[in-house]
């Protein structure tokens, strides 16, 4: 997490250095996040978390408590078998937010902290969260500029919509270095008893371990637990 008690304020250069994102791209993200209230200026050069993070904390915590309690046993079963990071994400305004995560136990692993926000054009979970909405809603969620985070980030709206159609047809989504260089992920949807999309359940790990064959095995685990969760929510 960039902003914490030891560094509550950061400059653009500091954010760029810690994230390895170019300064020009950091400026674009700061402009968008400031407009949404997630960041606010402190002094002439520094930024700090904005008031919207009060709401963000509520969304990541108490308001999702019941869903987290239902899904957590399934997440633990998956994590115990594969030792990779397992996460649960939901829609939050124009972002995907992690509401629960079990960190992988390998030395080299992908870390997704509870409360993490990611743009909706990045990552397997984001594709899942959008794919089962009405197609008319896609444009409203993709109004923000599709800014590149890595060289694999999808920044073409038509290509992203094609992948959303593919996700719905296959029943799952994958990503390869769209958010973190060298990271791969696979995600499945979680539905309520009426077939409404509630959240995305995913596994994340480094690409050298997340081969296609391994991801196929993880998909079986995810789908099995997703069905268990669906029955509990019915």
C-alpha atoms as a PDB file:
ATOM      1  CA  UNK A   1       0.000   0.000   0.000  1.00  0.00           C
ATOM      2  CA  UNK A   2       1.548   3.312  -1.052  1.00  0.00           C
ATOM      3  CA  UNK A   3      -0.113   5.541   1.539  1.00  0.00           C
ATOM      4  CA  UNK A   4       0.189   4.420   5.165  1.00  0.00           C
ATOM      5  CA  UNK A   5       0.970   5.782   8.621  1.00  0.00           C
ATOM      6  CA  UNK A   6       4.697   5.992   7.877  1.00  0.00           C
ATOM      7  CA  UNK A   7       4.161   7.879   4.603  1.00  0.00           C
ATOM      8  CA  UNK A   8       0.745   9.584   4.677  1.00  0.00           C
ATOM      9  CA  UNK A   9       1.749  12.017   1.935  1.00  0.00           C
ATOM     10  CA  UNK A  10       3.663  11.405  -1.296  1.00  0.00           C
ATOM     11  CA  UNK A  11       4.884  13.472  -4.216  1.00  0.00           C
ATOM     12  CA  UNK A  12       4.405  12.466  -7.841  1.00  0.00           C
ATOM     13  CA  UNK A  13       8.078  11.536  -8.098  1.00  0.00           C
ATOM     14  CA  UNK A  14       7.838   9.345  -4.996  1.00  0.00           C
ATOM     15  CA  UNK A  15       4.764   7.558  -6.342  1.00  0.00           C
ATOM     16  CA  UNK A  16       6.495   7.029  -9.677  1.00  0.00           C
ATOM     17  CA  UNK A  17       9.628   5.657  -7.990  1.00  0.00           C
ATOM     18  CA  UNK A  18       7.752   3.247  -5.717  1.00  0.00           C
ATOM     19  CA  UNK A  19       5.397   1.935  -8.395  1.00  0.00           C
ATOM     20  CA  UNK A  20       7.815   2.065 -11.343  1.00  0.00           C
ATOM     21  CA  UNK A  21       5.096   3.866 -13.330  1.00  0.00           C
ATOM     22  CA  UNK A  22       6.236   6.774 -15.541  1.00  0.00           C
ATOM     23  CA  UNK A  23       5.703  10.248 -14.091  1.00  0.00           C
ATOM     24  CA  UNK A  24       3.436  11.259 -16.981  1.00  0.00           C
ATOM     25  CA  UNK A  25       1.166   8.265 -16.309  1.00  0.00           C
ATOM     26  CA  UNK A  26       1.148   8.956 -12.558  1.00  0.00           C
ATOM     27  CA  UNK A  27      -0.055  12.500 -13.257  1.00  0.00           C
ATOM     28  CA  UNK A  28      -2.968  11.133 -15.312  1.00  0.00           C
ATOM     29  CA  UNK A  29      -3.972   8.702 -12.572  1.00  0.00           C
ATOM     30  CA  UNK A  30      -3.713  11.392  -9.907  1.00  0.00           C
ATOM     31  CA  UNK A  31      -5.976  13.666 -11.935  1.00  0.00           C
ATOM     32  CA  UNK A  32      -8.626  10.945 -12.250  1.00  0.00           C
ATOM     33  CA  UNK A  33      -8.384   9.844  -8.598  1.00  0.00           C
ATOM     34  CA  UNK A  34      -8.480  13.447  -7.376  1.00  0.00           C
ATOM     35  CA  UNK A  35     -11.602  14.138  -9.438  1.00  0.00           C
ATOM     36  CA  UNK A  36     -13.246  11.119  -7.784  1.00  0.00           C
ATOM     37  CA  UNK A  37     -12.208  12.176  -4.272  1.00  0.00           C
ATOM     38  CA  UNK A  38      -9.771   9.335  -3.633  1.00  0.00           C
ATOM     39  CA  UNK A  39      -6.762  11.694  -3.494  1.00  0.00           C
ATOM     40  CA  UNK A  40      -6.413  15.288  -2.412  1.00  0.00           C
ATOM     41  CA  UNK A  41      -3.548  17.761  -2.648  1.00  0.00           C
ATOM     42  CA  UNK A  42      -1.531  18.509   0.475  1.00  0.00           C
ATOM     43  CA  UNK A  43       0.670  21.564   0.098  1.00  0.00           C
ATOM     44  CA  UNK A  44       2.176  22.355  -3.273  1.00  0.00           C
ATOM     45  CA  UNK A  45       3.656  19.014  -4.333  1.00  0.00           C
ATOM     46  CA  UNK A  46       2.293  16.226  -2.121  1.00  0.00           C
ATOM     47  CA  UNK A  47      -0.903  14.166  -2.202  1.00  0.00           C
ATOM     48  CA  UNK A  48      -2.760  12.246   0.486  1.00  0.00           C
ATOM     49  CA  UNK A  49      -5.785   9.960   0.618  1.00  0.00           C
ATOM     50  CA  UNK A  50      -9.119  11.719   0.144  1.00  0.00           C
ATOM     51  CA  UNK A  51     -12.434  11.494   1.966  1.00  0.00           C
ATOM     52  CA  UNK A  52     -13.746   8.841  -0.395  1.00  0.00           C
ATOM     53  CA  UNK A  53     -11.486   6.356   1.391  1.00  0.00           C
ATOM     54  CA  UNK A  54     -13.782   6.621   4.403  1.00  0.00           C
ATOM     55  CA  UNK A  55     -16.500   5.158   2.204  1.00  0.00           C
ATOM     56  CA  UNK A  56     -13.994   2.771   0.664  1.00  0.00           C
ATOM     57  CA  UNK A  57     -13.140   1.374   4.092  1.00  0.00           C
ATOM     58  CA  UNK A  58     -16.831   0.828   4.777  1.00  0.00           C
ATOM     59  CA  UNK A  59     -17.323  -1.011   1.495  1.00  0.00           C
ATOM     60  CA  UNK A  60     -14.263  -3.218   1.991  1.00  0.00           C
ATOM     61  CA  UNK A  61     -15.279  -3.988   5.546  1.00  0.00           C
ATOM     62  CA  UNK A  62     -18.641  -4.085   7.247  1.00  0.00           C
ATOM     63  CA  UNK A  63     -21.024  -3.827   4.317  1.00  0.00           C
ATOM     64  CA  UNK A  64     -19.511  -6.965   2.745  1.00  0.00           C
ATOM     65  CA  UNK A  65     -19.115  -8.897   5.974  1.00  0.00           C
ATOM     66  CA  UNK A  66     -21.834 -11.483   5.275  1.00  0.00           C
ATOM     67  CA  UNK A  67     -20.511 -12.316   1.805  1.00  0.00           C
ATOM     68  CA  UNK A  68     -16.959 -12.566   3.108  1.00  0.00           C
ATOM     69  CA  UNK A  69     -18.028 -14.958   5.868  1.00  0.00           C
ATOM     70  CA  UNK A  70     -19.722 -17.214   3.312  1.00  0.00           C
ATOM     71  CA  UNK A  71     -16.866 -17.166   0.801  1.00  0.00           C
ATOM     72  CA  UNK A  72     -13.877 -17.308   3.160  1.00  0.00           C
ATOM     73  CA  UNK A  73     -14.070 -21.082   3.869  1.00  0.00           C
ATOM     74  CA  UNK A  74     -13.952 -21.735   0.115  1.00  0.00           C
ATOM     75  CA  UNK A  75     -11.021 -19.366  -0.255  1.00  0.00           C
ATOM     76  CA  UNK A  76      -9.153 -21.178   2.510  1.00  0.00           C
ATOM     77  CA  UNK A  77      -9.749 -24.562   0.884  1.00  0.00           C
ATOM     78  CA  UNK A  78      -8.355 -23.282  -2.411  1.00  0.00           C
ATOM     79  CA  UNK A  79      -5.381 -21.561  -0.757  1.00  0.00           C
ATOM     80  CA  UNK A  80      -4.496 -24.687   1.233  1.00  0.00           C
ATOM     81  CA  UNK A  81      -4.279 -26.726  -1.968  1.00  0.00           C
ATOM     82  CA  UNK A  82      -2.396 -24.352  -4.247  1.00  0.00           C
ATOM     83  CA  UNK A  83      -0.437 -21.999  -1.916  1.00  0.00           C
ATOM     84  CA  UNK A  84      -1.039 -19.057  -4.292  1.00  0.00           C
ATOM     85  CA  UNK A  85      -2.883 -15.827  -3.519  1.00  0.00           C
ATOM     86  CA  UNK A  86      -6.687 -16.099  -3.538  1.00  0.00           C
ATOM     87  CA  UNK A  87      -8.822 -12.957  -3.644  1.00  0.00           C
ATOM     88  CA  UNK A  88     -12.448 -11.847  -3.620  1.00  0.00           C
ATOM     89  CA  UNK A  89     -13.374  -8.690  -5.516  1.00  0.00           C
ATOM     90  CA  UNK A  90     -16.533  -6.640  -6.062  1.00  0.00           C
ATOM     91  CA  UNK A  91     -17.551  -3.596  -8.066  1.00  0.00           C
ATOM     92  CA  UNK A  92     -17.042  -0.263  -6.327  1.00  0.00           C
ATOM     93  CA  UNK A  93     -18.131   2.700  -8.440  1.00  0.00           C
ATOM     94  CA  UNK A  94     -15.822   2.589 -11.475  1.00  0.00           C
ATOM     95  CA  UNK A  95     -13.314   0.200  -9.919  1.00  0.00           C
ATOM     96  CA  UNK A  96     -12.903  -3.339  -8.687  1.00  0.00           C
ATOM     97  CA  UNK A  97     -12.140  -3.545  -4.972  1.00  0.00           C
ATOM     98  CA  UNK A  98     -10.612  -6.429  -3.050  1.00  0.00           C
ATOM     99  CA  UNK A  99     -12.837  -7.222  -0.057  1.00  0.00           C
ATOM    100  CA  UNK A 100     -10.951 -10.342   1.076  1.00  0.00           C
ATOM    101  CA  UNK A 101      -7.589 -11.901   0.288  1.00  0.00           C
ATOM    102  CA  UNK A 102      -5.474 -14.852   1.389  1.00  0.00           C
ATOM    103  CA  UNK A 103      -1.843 -14.255   0.533  1.00  0.00           C
ATOM    104  CA  UNK A 104       0.157 -17.018  -1.119  1.00  0.00           C
ATOM    105  CA  UNK A 105       2.858 -18.704   0.938  1.00  0.00           C
ATOM    106  CA  UNK A 106       5.566 -18.865  -1.709  1.00  0.00           C
ATOM    107  CA  UNK A 107       8.568 -16.566  -1.308  1.00  0.00           C
ATOM    108  CA  UNK A 108       7.816 -15.073  -4.737  1.00  0.00           C
ATOM    109  CA  UNK A 109       4.100 -14.303  -4.865  1.00  0.00           C
ATOM    110  CA  UNK A 110       1.494 -11.791  -5.976  1.00  0.00           C
ATOM    111  CA  UNK A 111       0.174  -9.637  -3.129  1.00  0.00           C
ATOM    112  CA  UNK A 112      -3.358  -8.231  -3.263  1.00  0.00           C
ATOM    113  CA  UNK A 113      -4.312  -6.379  -0.102  1.00  0.00           C
ATOM    114  CA  UNK A 114      -7.841  -5.944   1.189  1.00  0.00           C
ATOM    115  CA  UNK A 115      -9.049  -2.538   0.023  1.00  0.00           C
ATOM    116  CA  UNK A 116      -6.951  -2.546  -3.143  1.00  0.00           C
ATOM    117  CA  UNK A 117      -8.602  -0.767  -6.067  1.00  0.00           C
ATOM    118  CA  UNK A 118      -7.949  -1.646  -9.670  1.00  0.00           C
ATOM    119  CA  UNK A 119      -9.290  -0.026 -12.846  1.00  0.00           C
ATOM    120  CA  UNK A 120     -12.022  -2.027 -14.551  1.00  0.00           C
ATOM    121  CA  UNK A 121     -10.004  -2.481 -17.745  1.00  0.00           C
ATOM    122  CA  UNK A 122      -7.289  -4.425 -15.915  1.00  0.00           C
ATOM    123  CA  UNK A 123      -7.202  -7.936 -14.533  1.00  0.00           C
ATOM    124  CA  UNK A 124      -9.188 -11.149 -14.623  1.00  0.00           C
ATOM    125  CA  UNK A 125     -11.534 -10.166 -11.787  1.00  0.00           C
ATOM    126  CA  UNK A 126     -12.516  -6.917 -13.497  1.00  0.00           C
ATOM    127  CA  UNK A 127     -13.447  -8.798 -16.661  1.00  0.00           C
ATOM    128  CA  UNK A 128     -15.629 -11.168 -14.660  1.00  0.00           C
ATOM    129  CA  UNK A 129     -17.362  -8.363 -12.773  1.00  0.00           C
ATOM    130  CA  UNK A 130     -18.280  -6.581 -16.008  1.00  0.00           C
ATOM    131  CA  UNK A 131     -18.967  -9.557 -18.273  1.00  0.00           C
ATOM    132  CA  UNK A 132     -22.207 -10.594 -16.564  1.00  0.00           C
ATOM    133  CA  UNK A 133     -23.679  -7.114 -16.434  1.00  0.00           C
ATOM    134  CA  UNK A 134     -25.990  -5.983 -19.213  1.00  0.00           C
ATOM    135  CA  UNK A 135     -23.921  -4.938 -22.209  1.00  0.00           C
ATOM    136  CA  UNK A 136     -25.600  -1.528 -22.108  1.00  0.00           C
ATOM    137  CA  UNK A 137     -23.833  -0.940 -18.781  1.00  0.00           C
ATOM    138  CA  UNK A 138     -20.345  -1.615 -20.113  1.00  0.00           C
ATOM    139  CA  UNK A 139     -19.911   1.841 -21.609  1.00  0.00           C
ATOM    140  CA  UNK A 140     -20.821   3.548 -18.340  1.00  0.00           C
ATOM    141  CA  UNK A 141     -18.063   1.608 -16.572  1.00  0.00           C
ATOM    142  CA  UNK A 142     -15.514   2.184 -19.326  1.00  0.00           C
ATOM    143  CA  UNK A 143     -15.883   5.956 -19.632  1.00  0.00           C
ATOM    144  CA  UNK A 144     -12.573   6.639 -17.894  1.00  0.00           C
ATOM    145  CA  UNK A 145      -9.507   6.648 -20.151  1.00  0.00           C
ATOM    146  CA  UNK A 146      -8.072   3.138 -20.455  1.00  0.00           C
ATOM    147  CA  UNK A 147      -4.622   4.096 -19.264  1.00  0.00           C
ATOM    148  CA  UNK A 148      -1.749   1.605 -19.575  1.00  0.00           C
ATOM    149  CA  UNK A 149      -0.304   0.216 -16.355  1.00  0.00           C
ATOM    150  CA  UNK A 150       1.953  -2.317 -18.063  1.00  0.00           C
ATOM    151  CA  UNK A 151       2.703  -3.057 -21.705  1.00  0.00           C
ATOM    152  CA  UNK A 152       0.016  -5.775 -21.552  1.00  0.00           C
ATOM    153  CA  UNK A 153      -2.770  -3.523 -20.262  1.00  0.00           C
ATOM    154  CA  UNK A 154      -5.737  -3.490 -22.653  1.00  0.00           C
ATOM    155  CA  UNK A 155      -6.342   0.116 -23.694  1.00  0.00           C
ATOM    156  CA  UNK A 156      -8.609  -0.455 -26.716  1.00  0.00           C
ATOM    157  CA  UNK A 157     -12.300  -0.432 -25.742  1.00  0.00           C
ATOM    158  CA  UNK A 158     -13.407  -2.676 -28.619  1.00  0.00           C
ATOM    159  CA  UNK A 159     -10.761  -5.276 -27.759  1.00  0.00           C
ATOM    160  CA  UNK A 160     -11.777  -5.157 -24.114  1.00  0.00           C
ATOM    161  CA  UNK A 161     -15.433  -5.688 -25.011  1.00  0.00           C
ATOM    162  CA  UNK A 162     -14.385  -8.651 -27.165  1.00  0.00           C
ATOM    163  CA  UNK A 163     -12.705 -10.155 -24.120  1.00  0.00           C
ATOM    164  CA  UNK A 164     -15.815  -9.512 -22.026  1.00  0.00           C
ATOM    165  CA  UNK A 165     -17.879 -11.491 -24.547  1.00  0.00           C
ATOM    166  CA  UNK A 166     -15.270 -14.244 -24.456  1.00  0.00           C
ATOM    167  CA  UNK A 167     -15.352 -14.269 -20.654  1.00  0.00           C
ATOM    168  CA  UNK A 168     -19.118 -14.716 -20.604  1.00  0.00           C
ATOM    169  CA  UNK A 169     -18.952 -17.520 -23.179  1.00  0.00           C
ATOM    170  CA  UNK A 170     -16.192 -19.423 -21.369  1.00  0.00           C
ATOM    171  CA  UNK A 171     -17.428 -18.813 -17.839  1.00  0.00           C
ATOM    172  CA  UNK A 172     -14.109 -17.451 -16.564  1.00  0.00           C
ATOM    173  CA  UNK A 173     -11.455 -14.828 -17.289  1.00  0.00           C
ATOM    174  CA  UNK A 174      -7.676 -14.735 -17.330  1.00  0.00           C
ATOM    175  CA  UNK A 175      -5.098 -11.977 -17.343  1.00  0.00           C
ATOM    176  CA  UNK A 176      -1.398 -11.969 -18.113  1.00  0.00           C
ATOM    177  CA  UNK A 177       0.653  -9.045 -16.844  1.00  0.00           C
ATOM    178  CA  UNK A 178      -2.170  -6.508 -17.225  1.00  0.00           C
ATOM    179  CA  UNK A 179      -1.664  -5.056 -13.723  1.00  0.00           C
ATOM    180  CA  UNK A 180       1.628  -6.473 -12.471  1.00  0.00           C
ATOM    181  CA  UNK A 181       4.483  -7.358 -14.797  1.00  0.00           C
ATOM    182  CA  UNK A 182       5.116 -11.082 -14.548  1.00  0.00           C
ATOM    183  CA  UNK A 183       1.800 -11.863 -12.865  1.00  0.00           C
ATOM    184  CA  UNK A 184      -1.059 -14.025 -14.126  1.00  0.00           C
ATOM    185  CA  UNK A 185      -4.566 -14.560 -12.781  1.00  0.00           C
ATOM    186  CA  UNK A 186      -7.709 -16.577 -13.375  1.00  0.00           C
ATOM    187  CA  UNK A 187     -11.141 -15.596 -12.043  1.00  0.00           C
ATOM    188  CA  UNK A 188     -14.693 -16.965 -11.955  1.00  0.00           C
ATOM    189  CA  UNK A 189     -18.005 -15.256 -11.154  1.00  0.00           C
ATOM    190  CA  UNK A 190     -19.980 -15.710  -7.958  1.00  0.00           C
ATOM    191  CA  UNK A 191     -23.750 -15.496  -8.400  1.00  0.00           C
ATOM    192  CA  UNK A 192     -26.617 -15.176  -5.965  1.00  0.00           C
ATOM    193  CA  UNK A 193     -29.612 -17.497  -6.068  1.00  0.00           C
ATOM    194  CA  UNK A 194     -31.216 -15.422  -8.842  1.00  0.00           C
ATOM    195  CA  UNK A 195     -28.173 -15.536 -11.109  1.00  0.00           C
ATOM    196  CA  UNK A 196     -27.024 -11.968 -10.376  1.00  0.00           C
ATOM    197  CA  UNK A 197     -23.270 -11.364 -10.368  1.00  0.00           C
ATOM    198  CA  UNK A 198     -22.051 -10.619  -6.840  1.00  0.00           C
ATOM    199  CA  UNK A 199     -18.279 -10.899  -6.916  1.00  0.00           C
ATOM    200  CA  UNK A 200     -15.252 -12.436  -8.586  1.00  0.00           C
ATOM    201  CA  UNK A 201     -13.181 -15.201  -7.006  1.00  0.00           C
ATOM    202  CA  UNK A 202      -9.642 -15.421  -8.332  1.00  0.00           C
ATOM    203  CA  UNK A 203      -6.189 -16.931  -8.017  1.00  0.00           C
ATOM    204  CA  UNK A 204      -3.079 -14.849  -8.705  1.00  0.00           C
ATOM    205  CA  UNK A 205       0.546 -15.858  -9.025  1.00  0.00           C
ATOM    206  CA  UNK A 206       3.783 -15.274 -10.933  1.00  0.00           C
ATOM    207  CA  UNK A 207       3.701 -16.306 -14.577  1.00  0.00           C
ATOM    208  CA  UNK A 208       6.567 -18.786 -14.238  1.00  0.00           C
ATOM    209  CA  UNK A 209       4.338 -20.921 -11.958  1.00  0.00           C
ATOM    210  CA  UNK A 210       0.956 -20.043 -13.494  1.00  0.00           C
ATOM    211  CA  UNK A 211       1.340 -22.087 -16.669  1.00  0.00           C
ATOM    212  CA  UNK A 212      -1.683 -22.892 -18.833  1.00  0.00           C
ATOM    213  CA  UNK A 213      -1.860 -26.435 -17.438  1.00  0.00           C
ATOM    214  CA  UNK A 214      -1.673 -25.214 -13.846  1.00  0.00           C
ATOM    215  CA  UNK A 215      -4.310 -22.551 -14.467  1.00  0.00           C
ATOM    216  CA  UNK A 216      -6.629 -25.222 -15.884  1.00  0.00           C
ATOM    217  CA  UNK A 217      -6.295 -27.109 -12.593  1.00  0.00           C
ATOM    218  CA  UNK A 218      -6.981 -23.946 -10.615  1.00  0.00           C
ATOM    219  CA  UNK A 219     -10.053 -23.284 -12.745  1.00  0.00           C
ATOM    220  CA  UNK A 220     -11.537 -26.612 -11.661  1.00  0.00           C
ATOM    221  CA  UNK A 221     -11.009 -25.672  -8.009  1.00  0.00           C
ATOM    222  CA  UNK A 222     -12.521 -22.221  -8.494  1.00  0.00           C
ATOM    223  CA  UNK A 223     -15.589 -23.539 -10.316  1.00  0.00           C
ATOM    224  CA  UNK A 224     -16.185 -26.202  -7.665  1.00  0.00           C
ATOM    225  CA  UNK A 225     -16.084 -23.665  -4.850  1.00  0.00           C
ATOM    226  CA  UNK A 226     -18.151 -21.154  -6.846  1.00  0.00           C
ATOM    227  CA  UNK A 227     -20.920 -23.745  -7.101  1.00  0.00           C
ATOM    228  CA  UNK A 228     -20.675 -24.423  -3.356  1.00  0.00           C
ATOM    229  CA  UNK A 229     -21.038 -20.702  -2.676  1.00  0.00           C
ATOM    230  CA  UNK A 230     -23.970 -20.397  -5.112  1.00  0.00           C
ATOM    231  CA  UNK A 231     -25.881 -23.102  -3.232  1.00  0.00           C
ATOM    232  CA  UNK A 232     -25.235 -21.341   0.066  1.00  0.00           C
ATOM    233  CA  UNK A 233     -26.521 -18.057  -1.344  1.00  0.00           C
ATOM    234  CA  UNK A 234     -29.595 -19.592  -2.986  1.00  0.00           C
END
